[in-house]
Amino acid sequence: MKLSLSVQNIKCGGCAKTITTKLSQLDDISEVMVDVNSGTVSFESNNVMATQELRDVLKALGYPSVGVKNGLGDKAKSLLSCASGRMMKE
């Protein structure tokens, strides 16, 4: 089943690369795509528990779902995730 989430703090391709890399490592999650302009993460999953794990990983990276409290810590984590994504080799 194709699902998508609107998330906070996505600013650039570095953010998208980090999100794509980390979420693609999760079991029962595939075809991860990030739209930087809309702040949307799309993915395939048939497992409801995997979807919650995906939300937890996004929050831990600093990209909480829209509607979830976006604290200073989340913004700082997203900056680190962004920088990490920019430094990853293609």
C-alpha atoms as a PDB file:
ATOM      1  CA  MET A   1       0.000   0.000   0.000  1.00  0.00           C
ATOM      2  CA  LYS A   2       1.375   3.411  -0.958  1.00  0.00           C
ATOM      3  CA  LEU A   3       1.337   5.896   1.916  1.00  0.00           C
ATOM      4  CA  SER A   4       2.638   9.393   2.459  1.00  0.00           C
ATOM      5  CA  LEU A   5       3.343  11.635   5.425  1.00  0.00           C
ATOM      6  CA  SER A   6       3.786  15.367   5.640  1.00  0.00           C
ATOM      7  CA  VAL A   7       6.821  16.084   7.801  1.00  0.00           C
ATOM      8  CA  GLN A   8       8.532  19.137   9.225  1.00  0.00           C
ATOM      9  CA  ASN A   9      12.042  20.552   8.733  1.00  0.00           C
ATOM     10  CA  ILE A  10      12.795  19.177   5.241  1.00  0.00           C
ATOM     11  CA  LYS A  11      14.853  21.915   3.628  1.00  0.00           C
ATOM     12  CA  CYS A  12      17.043  20.405   0.904  1.00  0.00           C
ATOM     13  CA  GLY A  13      18.392  17.409  -0.961  1.00  0.00           C
ATOM     14  CA  GLY A  14      20.676  16.577   1.974  1.00  0.00           C
ATOM     15  CA  CYS A  15      17.616  16.147   4.198  1.00  0.00           C
ATOM     16  CA  ALA A  16      15.946  14.021   1.519  1.00  0.00           C
ATOM     17  CA  LYS A  17      19.013  11.809   1.111  1.00  0.00           C
ATOM     18  CA  THR A  18      19.288  11.154   4.855  1.00  0.00           C
ATOM     19  CA  ILE A  19      15.578  10.364   5.123  1.00  0.00           C
ATOM     20  CA  THR A  20      15.627   8.066   2.088  1.00  0.00           C
ATOM     21  CA  THR A  21      18.736   6.216   3.276  1.00  0.00           C
ATOM     22  CA  LYS A  22      17.520   5.670   6.842  1.00  0.00           C
ATOM     23  CA  LEU A  23      13.943   4.720   5.983  1.00  0.00           C
ATOM     24  CA  SER A  24      15.025   2.319   3.228  1.00  0.00           C
ATOM     25  CA  GLN A  25      16.826   0.295   5.924  1.00  0.00           C
ATOM     26  CA  LEU A  26      13.555  -0.442   7.748  1.00  0.00           C
ATOM     27  CA  ASP A  27      11.857  -3.817   7.347  1.00  0.00           C
ATOM     28  CA  ASP A  28       8.505  -3.721   5.530  1.00  0.00           C
ATOM     29  CA  ILE A  29       9.208  -0.249   4.077  1.00  0.00           C
ATOM     30  CA  SER A  30      10.126   0.179   0.414  1.00  0.00           C
ATOM     31  CA  GLU A  31      10.087   2.707  -2.419  1.00  0.00           C
ATOM     32  CA  VAL A  32      10.864   5.682  -0.176  1.00  0.00           C
ATOM     33  CA  MET A  33      10.603   9.024  -1.964  1.00  0.00           C
ATOM     34  CA  VAL A  34      10.960  12.519  -0.502  1.00  0.00           C
ATOM     35  CA  ASP A  35       9.460  15.646  -2.055  1.00  0.00           C
ATOM     36  CA  VAL A  36      11.439  18.549  -0.600  1.00  0.00           C
ATOM     37  CA  ASN A  37       9.070  21.219  -1.933  1.00  0.00           C
ATOM     38  CA  SER A  38       5.965  19.769  -0.293  1.00  0.00           C
ATOM     39  CA  GLY A  39       7.711  18.221   2.732  1.00  0.00           C
ATOM     40  CA  THR A  40       6.193  14.846   1.913  1.00  0.00           C
ATOM     41  CA  VAL A  41       7.672  11.384   2.448  1.00  0.00           C
ATOM     42  CA  SER A  42       6.029   8.638   0.360  1.00  0.00           C
ATOM     43  CA  PHE A  43       6.636   4.925   0.809  1.00  0.00           C
ATOM     44  CA  GLU A  44       5.201   1.454   0.328  1.00  0.00           C
ATOM     45  CA  SER A  45       4.189  -0.631   3.349  1.00  0.00           C
ATOM     46  CA  ASN A  46       1.620  -3.280   4.207  1.00  0.00           C
ATOM     47  CA  ASN A  47       2.529  -3.301   7.885  1.00  0.00           C
ATOM     48  CA  VAL A  48       0.912  -0.803  10.254  1.00  0.00           C
ATOM     49  CA  MET A  49       3.616  -1.379  12.896  1.00  0.00           C
ATOM     50  CA  ALA A  50       6.326  -0.585  10.336  1.00  0.00           C
ATOM     51  CA  THR A  51       4.564   2.695   9.600  1.00  0.00           C
ATOM     52  CA  GLN A  52       4.758   3.689  13.268  1.00  0.00           C
ATOM     53  CA  GLU A  53       8.441   2.719  13.334  1.00  0.00           C
ATOM     54  CA  LEU A  54       8.946   4.950  10.282  1.00  0.00           C
ATOM     55  CA  ARG A  55       7.339   7.892  12.127  1.00  0.00           C
ATOM     56  CA  ASP A  56       9.581   7.219  15.131  1.00  0.00           C
ATOM     57  CA  VAL A  57      12.709   7.170  12.955  1.00  0.00           C
ATOM     58  CA  LEU A  58      11.692  10.404  11.240  1.00  0.00           C
ATOM     59  CA  LYS A  59      11.178  12.065  14.640  1.00  0.00           C
ATOM     60  CA  ALA A  60      14.549  10.767  15.876  1.00  0.00           C
ATOM     61  CA  LEU A  61      16.211  12.252  12.780  1.00  0.00           C
ATOM     62  CA  GLY A  62      14.557  15.625  13.464  1.00  0.00           C
ATOM     63  CA  TYR A  63      11.716  15.351  10.941  1.00  0.00           C
ATOM     64  CA  PRO A  64       8.520  14.898  12.989  1.00  0.00           C
ATOM     65  CA  SER A  65       5.175  14.493  11.245  1.00  0.00           C
ATOM     66  CA  VAL A  66       3.133  17.635  10.713  1.00  0.00           C
ATOM     67  CA  GLY A  67       0.999  18.151  13.808  1.00  0.00           C
ATOM     68  CA  VAL A  68       3.614  16.705  16.158  1.00  0.00           C
ATOM     69  CA  LYS A  69       5.417  19.168  18.425  1.00  0.00           C
ATOM     70  CA  ASN A  70       8.499  20.485  16.617  1.00  0.00           C
ATOM     71  CA  GLY A  71      10.905  21.480  19.349  1.00  0.00           C
ATOM     72  CA  LEU A  72      14.299  23.102  19.192  1.00  0.00           C
ATOM     73  CA  GLY A  73      15.878  19.657  19.571  1.00  0.00           C
ATOM     74  CA  ASP A  74      14.090  18.408  16.441  1.00  0.00           C
ATOM     75  CA  LYS A  75      15.316  21.396  14.462  1.00  0.00           C
ATOM     76  CA  ALA A  76      18.895  20.843  15.644  1.00  0.00           C
ATOM     77  CA  LYS A  77      18.712  17.123  14.804  1.00  0.00           C
ATOM     78  CA  SER A  78      17.365  17.906  11.335  1.00  0.00           C
ATOM     79  CA  LEU A  79      20.313  20.247  10.703  1.00  0.00           C
ATOM     80  CA  LEU A  80      22.716  17.430  11.613  1.00  0.00           C
ATOM     81  CA  SER A  81      20.787  14.967   9.441  1.00  0.00           C
ATOM     82  CA  CYS A  82      20.848  17.468   6.585  1.00  0.00           C
ATOM     83  CA  ALA A  83      24.620  17.938   6.850  1.00  0.00           C
ATOM     84  CA  SER A  84      25.115  14.177   7.014  1.00  0.00           C
ATOM     85  CA  GLY A  85      23.000  13.706   3.902  1.00  0.00           C
ATOM     86  CA  ARG A  86      25.019  16.304   2.026  1.00  0.00           C
ATOM     87  CA  MET A  87      28.254  14.505   2.852  1.00  0.00           C
ATOM     88  CA  MET A  88      27.033  11.044   1.717  1.00  0.00           C
ATOM     89  CA  LYS A  89      28.501   9.850  -1.544  1.00  0.00           C
ATOM     90  CA  GLU A  90      26.182   9.094  -4.413  1.00  0.00           C
END
